[in-house]
Amino acid sequence: MQSRYLKCSLTVAKRGFYRKIGRCACEEVILQLISSKCIPILLYGLEVLTMQKYQLNSLDFVINRFFVKLFKTSNIRIVQLCQELFHFELPSVQLARRRKLFLDKFCVCV
């Protein structure tokens, strides 16, 4: 059977992101840990794939849900303001930048 698109499951990546992080640290420390340890797990190798919009939304949901829990709010505007305040980019934004860098390197090599 042939398919026009390569499909991948993001379940394992999202599960790796949700590993427990202690609540004893301040928000800045937790966000730094998330940025340096969890986001790379979540986004590993995805820049080589053409992601569908629903897949990007699914990855963004992981981060938004994390911010909801961290700042104990259900208001998405507050979540967005916190993301701006801490300079925390959504995975869809990071993947777009990483994909561009990947394609730029690939085009130079070919």
N, C-alpha and C. Protein backbone atom coordinates (compact mmCIF):
# COMPACT_ATOMS: atom_id res chain seq x y z
N MET A 1 0.84 -1.18 0.00
CA MET A 1 0.00 0.00 0.00
C MET A 1 0.88 1.24 0.00
N GLN A 2 0.56 2.22 -0.81
CA GLN A 2 1.36 3.43 -0.90
C GLN A 2 0.64 4.59 -0.23
N SER A 3 1.44 5.52 0.24
CA SER A 3 0.90 6.73 0.85
C SER A 3 1.67 7.93 0.32
N ARG A 4 1.00 9.04 0.24
CA ARG A 4 1.66 10.25 -0.25
C ARG A 4 2.43 10.95 0.85
N TYR A 5 2.11 10.65 2.10
CA TYR A 5 2.73 11.35 3.22
C TYR A 5 3.34 10.36 4.20
N LEU A 6 4.43 10.78 4.79
CA LEU A 6 5.03 10.02 5.87
C LEU A 6 4.31 10.42 7.16
N LYS A 7 3.79 9.45 7.86
CA LYS A 7 3.07 9.74 9.09
C LYS A 7 3.91 9.27 10.27
N CYS A 8 3.87 10.07 11.33
CA CYS A 8 4.58 9.66 12.54
C CYS A 8 3.71 9.96 13.74
N SER A 9 3.90 9.19 14.77
CA SER A 9 3.15 9.39 16.01
C SER A 9 3.97 10.26 16.94
N LEU A 10 3.33 11.27 17.51
CA LEU A 10 4.00 12.17 18.45
C LEU A 10 3.77 11.75 19.89
N THR A 11 3.10 10.63 20.09
CA THR A 11 2.74 10.19 21.43
C THR A 11 3.97 9.97 22.31
N VAL A 12 4.98 9.29 21.81
CA VAL A 12 6.17 9.01 22.61
C VAL A 12 6.89 10.30 22.99
N ALA A 13 6.99 11.23 22.05
CA ALA A 13 7.66 12.50 22.32
C ALA A 13 6.90 13.29 23.38
N LYS A 14 5.58 13.31 23.27
CA LYS A 14 4.79 14.05 24.26
C LYS A 14 4.87 13.37 25.63
N ARG A 15 4.89 12.06 25.65
CA ARG A 15 5.00 11.33 26.92
C ARG A 15 6.33 11.66 27.59
N GLY A 16 7.42 11.74 26.81
CA GLY A 16 8.72 12.09 27.36
C GLY A 16 8.74 13.50 27.92
N PHE A 17 7.96 14.38 27.33
CA PHE A 17 7.90 15.76 27.82
C PHE A 17 7.25 15.84 29.19
N TYR A 18 6.26 15.00 29.44
CA TYR A 18 5.47 15.10 30.66
C TYR A 18 6.12 14.43 31.88
N ARG A 19 7.36 14.05 31.79
CA ARG A 19 8.01 13.49 32.97
C ARG A 19 8.00 14.50 34.09
N LYS A 20 7.98 14.00 35.33
CA LYS A 20 7.81 14.91 36.47
C LYS A 20 9.02 15.81 36.69
N ILE A 21 8.70 17.05 36.97
CA ILE A 21 9.70 18.03 37.38
C ILE A 21 9.26 18.52 38.75
N GLY A 22 10.19 18.62 39.66
CA GLY A 22 9.84 19.02 41.02
C GLY A 22 9.18 20.37 41.12
N ARG A 23 8.30 20.53 42.05
CA ARG A 23 7.60 21.79 42.28
C ARG A 23 8.34 22.68 43.27
N CYS A 24 9.50 22.26 43.73
CA CYS A 24 10.22 23.04 44.74
C CYS A 24 11.00 24.20 44.12
N ALA A 25 11.16 24.21 42.81
CA ALA A 25 11.92 25.28 42.15
C ALA A 25 10.98 26.40 41.72
N CYS A 26 11.56 27.58 41.52
CA CYS A 26 10.76 28.71 41.06
C CYS A 26 10.44 28.53 39.58
N GLU A 27 9.52 29.35 39.07
CA GLU A 27 9.07 29.23 37.69
C GLU A 27 10.21 29.38 36.69
N GLU A 28 11.14 30.31 36.96
CA GLU A 28 12.25 30.53 36.03
C GLU A 28 13.11 29.28 35.88
N VAL A 29 13.37 28.61 36.99
CA VAL A 29 14.20 27.40 36.96
C VAL A 29 13.47 26.28 36.24
N ILE A 30 12.19 26.12 36.53
CA ILE A 30 11.40 25.08 35.87
C ILE A 30 11.36 25.32 34.37
N LEU A 31 11.14 26.57 33.96
CA LEU A 31 11.09 26.88 32.53
C LEU A 31 12.44 26.67 31.85
N GLN A 32 13.52 26.95 32.56
CA GLN A 32 14.84 26.69 32.00
C GLN A 32 15.08 25.19 31.82
N LEU A 33 14.63 24.40 32.79
CA LEU A 33 14.74 22.94 32.67
C LEU A 33 13.91 22.42 31.50
N ILE A 34 12.71 22.96 31.37
CA ILE A 34 11.85 22.55 30.26
C ILE A 34 12.52 22.90 28.92
N SER A 35 13.06 24.11 28.83
CA SER A 35 13.71 24.54 27.59
C SER A 35 14.93 23.70 27.24
N SER A 36 15.72 23.38 28.24
CA SER A 36 16.98 22.69 27.96
C SER A 36 16.86 21.17 27.90
N LYS A 37 15.89 20.59 28.58
CA LYS A 37 15.79 19.12 28.64
C LYS A 37 14.57 18.56 27.92
N CYS A 38 13.41 19.16 28.12
CA CYS A 38 12.17 18.56 27.62
C CYS A 38 11.83 18.95 26.18
N ILE A 39 12.03 20.20 25.84
CA ILE A 39 11.73 20.65 24.48
C ILE A 39 12.57 19.88 23.45
N PRO A 40 13.87 19.67 23.69
CA PRO A 40 14.63 18.85 22.71
C PRO A 40 14.05 17.45 22.54
N ILE A 41 13.55 16.84 23.62
CA ILE A 41 12.92 15.52 23.51
C ILE A 41 11.66 15.61 22.66
N LEU A 42 10.88 16.65 22.90
CA LEU A 42 9.62 16.83 22.20
C LEU A 42 9.83 17.07 20.70
N LEU A 43 10.87 17.81 20.34
CA LEU A 43 11.07 18.23 18.95
C LEU A 43 12.12 17.42 18.19
N TYR A 44 12.71 16.43 18.83
CA TYR A 44 13.83 15.70 18.24
C TYR A 44 13.50 15.19 16.83
N GLY A 45 14.25 15.66 15.86
CA GLY A 45 14.18 15.17 14.50
C GLY A 45 12.96 15.61 13.70
N LEU A 46 12.10 16.43 14.27
CA LEU A 46 10.87 16.80 13.57
C LEU A 46 11.08 17.82 12.46
N GLU A 47 12.23 18.49 12.47
CA GLU A 47 12.47 19.49 11.42
C GLU A 47 12.60 18.87 10.03
N VAL A 48 12.84 17.58 9.97
CA VAL A 48 12.98 16.92 8.67
C VAL A 48 11.64 16.51 8.08
N LEU A 49 10.58 16.60 8.88
CA LEU A 49 9.25 16.19 8.43
C LEU A 49 8.40 17.39 8.06
N THR A 50 7.49 17.18 7.15
CA THR A 50 6.48 18.18 6.88
C THR A 50 5.32 17.88 7.82
N MET A 51 5.13 18.75 8.80
CA MET A 51 4.11 18.53 9.82
C MET A 51 2.78 19.09 9.36
N GLN A 52 1.72 18.37 9.67
CA GLN A 52 0.37 18.84 9.41
C GLN A 52 -0.02 19.85 10.50
N LYS A 53 -0.97 20.72 10.19
CA LYS A 53 -1.39 21.75 11.14
C LYS A 53 -1.88 21.15 12.45
N TYR A 54 -2.63 20.06 12.39
CA TYR A 54 -3.14 19.44 13.61
C TYR A 54 -2.00 18.88 14.47
N GLN A 55 -0.93 18.43 13.82
CA GLN A 55 0.22 17.94 14.58
C GLN A 55 0.94 19.08 15.29
N LEU A 56 1.11 20.20 14.61
CA LEU A 56 1.72 21.38 15.24
C LEU A 56 0.85 21.88 16.39
N ASN A 57 -0.46 21.89 16.19
CA ASN A 57 -1.37 22.30 17.26
C ASN A 57 -1.27 21.36 18.46
N SER A 58 -1.08 20.09 18.18
CA SER A 58 -0.93 19.11 19.26
C SER A 58 0.33 19.37 20.08
N LEU A 59 1.42 19.72 19.41
CA LEU A 59 2.66 20.05 20.12
C LEU A 59 2.51 21.36 20.91
N ASP A 60 1.86 22.35 20.31
CA ASP A 60 1.62 23.62 21.01
C ASP A 60 0.74 23.41 22.24
N PHE A 61 -0.22 22.49 22.14
CA PHE A 61 -1.09 22.20 23.27
C PHE A 61 -0.30 21.69 24.46
N VAL A 62 0.71 20.88 24.21
CA VAL A 62 1.54 20.36 25.29
C VAL A 62 2.14 21.51 26.10
N ILE A 63 2.68 22.50 25.41
CA ILE A 63 3.30 23.65 26.08
C ILE A 63 2.25 24.51 26.76
N ASN A 64 1.17 24.78 26.06
CA ASN A 64 0.11 25.59 26.68
C ASN A 64 -0.44 24.92 27.93
N ARG A 65 -0.63 23.63 27.87
CA ARG A 65 -1.14 22.88 29.04
C ARG A 65 -0.14 22.93 30.19
N PHE A 66 1.14 22.84 29.86
CA PHE A 66 2.17 22.95 30.89
C PHE A 66 2.10 24.31 31.58
N PHE A 67 1.95 25.38 30.80
CA PHE A 67 1.86 26.73 31.38
C PHE A 67 0.59 26.88 32.22
N VAL A 68 -0.51 26.28 31.79
CA VAL A 68 -1.75 26.31 32.58
C VAL A 68 -1.51 25.71 33.95
N LYS A 69 -0.83 24.57 33.99
CA LYS A 69 -0.56 23.91 35.27
C LYS A 69 0.45 24.68 36.10
N LEU A 70 1.50 25.18 35.46
CA LEU A 70 2.56 25.87 36.18
C LEU A 70 2.05 27.16 36.84
N PHE A 71 1.25 27.93 36.11
CA PHE A 71 0.78 29.21 36.63
C PHE A 71 -0.64 29.15 37.18
N LYS A 72 -1.19 27.94 37.25
CA LYS A 72 -2.50 27.69 37.87
C LYS A 72 -3.57 28.64 37.33
N THR A 73 -3.72 28.64 36.02
CA THR A 73 -4.73 29.46 35.36
C THR A 73 -5.33 28.67 34.21
N SER A 74 -6.53 29.02 33.84
CA SER A 74 -7.14 28.41 32.66
C SER A 74 -7.38 29.46 31.57
N ASN A 75 -6.91 30.66 31.82
CA ASN A 75 -7.07 31.76 30.87
C ASN A 75 -5.93 31.72 29.85
N ILE A 76 -6.26 31.47 28.60
CA ILE A 76 -5.23 31.32 27.57
C ILE A 76 -4.48 32.62 27.34
N ARG A 77 -5.13 33.76 27.55
CA ARG A 77 -4.45 35.05 27.39
C ARG A 77 -3.35 35.21 28.44
N ILE A 78 -3.61 34.78 29.66
CA ILE A 78 -2.59 34.82 30.71
C ILE A 78 -1.44 33.88 30.35
N VAL A 79 -1.78 32.73 29.82
CA VAL A 79 -0.75 31.77 29.38
C VAL A 79 0.12 32.41 28.31
N GLN A 80 -0.49 33.06 27.33
CA GLN A 80 0.28 33.71 26.26
C GLN A 80 1.15 34.84 26.80
N LEU A 81 0.62 35.60 27.75
CA LEU A 81 1.43 36.67 28.36
C LEU A 81 2.62 36.11 29.13
N CYS A 82 2.42 35.02 29.84
CA CYS A 82 3.53 34.38 30.55
C CYS A 82 4.58 33.86 29.57
N GLN A 83 4.13 33.30 28.46
CA GLN A 83 5.07 32.82 27.45
C GLN A 83 5.88 33.97 26.87
N GLU A 84 5.24 35.08 26.63
CA GLU A 84 5.95 36.27 26.14
C GLU A 84 6.92 36.79 27.18
N LEU A 85 6.47 36.87 28.42
CA LEU A 85 7.30 37.40 29.51
C LEU A 85 8.57 36.57 29.69
N PHE A 86 8.45 35.26 29.58
CA PHE A 86 9.60 34.36 29.78
C PHE A 86 10.29 34.02 28.46
N HIS A 87 9.90 34.67 27.36
CA HIS A 87 10.49 34.43 26.03
C HIS A 87 10.46 32.95 25.67
N PHE A 88 9.30 32.34 25.84
CA PHE A 88 9.12 30.92 25.60
C PHE A 88 8.33 30.74 24.31
N GLU A 89 8.96 30.22 23.28
CA GLU A 89 8.32 30.03 21.98
C GLU A 89 7.59 28.71 21.93
N LEU A 90 6.46 28.71 21.26
CA LEU A 90 5.70 27.48 21.05
C LEU A 90 6.47 26.56 20.11
N PRO A 91 6.25 25.26 20.22
CA PRO A 91 6.95 24.32 19.33
C PRO A 91 6.75 24.60 17.85
N SER A 92 5.57 25.06 17.45
CA SER A 92 5.33 25.35 16.03
C SER A 92 6.27 26.45 15.53
N VAL A 93 6.54 27.44 16.36
CA VAL A 93 7.45 28.52 15.99
C VAL A 93 8.88 28.00 15.95
N GLN A 94 9.27 27.22 16.96
CA GLN A 94 10.62 26.66 16.99
C GLN A 94 10.86 25.73 15.82
N LEU A 95 9.86 24.91 15.50
CA LEU A 95 10.02 23.98 14.38
C LEU A 95 10.15 24.69 13.05
N ALA A 96 9.41 25.78 12.87
CA ALA A 96 9.51 26.55 11.63
C ALA A 96 10.93 27.09 11.46
N ARG A 97 11.51 27.61 12.54
CA ARG A 97 12.88 28.13 12.48
C ARG A 97 13.88 27.00 12.24
N ARG A 98 13.72 25.89 12.98
CA ARG A 98 14.64 24.76 12.83
C ARG A 98 14.54 24.15 11.44
N ARG A 99 13.33 24.07 10.89
CA ARG A 99 13.14 23.51 9.55
C ARG A 99 13.83 24.39 8.50
N LYS A 100 13.71 25.70 8.65
CA LYS A 100 14.37 26.62 7.72
C LYS A 100 15.88 26.43 7.78
N LEU A 101 16.44 26.34 8.99
CA LEU A 101 17.88 26.11 9.12
C LEU A 101 18.29 24.78 8.50
N PHE A 102 17.49 23.74 8.73
CA PHE A 102 17.77 22.43 8.16
C PHE A 102 17.77 22.49 6.63
N LEU A 103 16.73 23.11 6.07
CA LEU A 103 16.64 23.19 4.61
C LEU A 103 17.74 24.04 4.02
N ASP A 104 18.13 25.12 4.72
CA ASP A 104 19.24 25.95 4.26
C ASP A 104 20.53 25.16 4.21
N LYS A 105 20.79 24.36 5.25
CA LYS A 105 21.99 23.53 5.25
C LYS A 105 21.93 22.46 4.15
N PHE A 106 20.76 21.86 3.99
CA PHE A 106 20.59 20.82 2.99
C PHE A 106 20.80 21.38 1.59
N CYS A 107 20.27 22.54 1.31
CA CYS A 107 20.40 23.15 -0.03
C CYS A 107 21.84 23.53 -0.33
N VAL A 108 22.58 23.94 0.69
CA VAL A 108 23.98 24.30 0.50
C VAL A 108 24.81 23.06 0.20
N CYS A 109 24.48 21.94 0.85
CA CYS A 109 25.25 20.70 0.68
C CYS A 109 24.99 20.04 -0.66
N VAL A 110 23.83 20.20 -1.21
CA VAL A 110 23.44 19.49 -2.44
C VAL A 110 23.98 20.17 -3.66
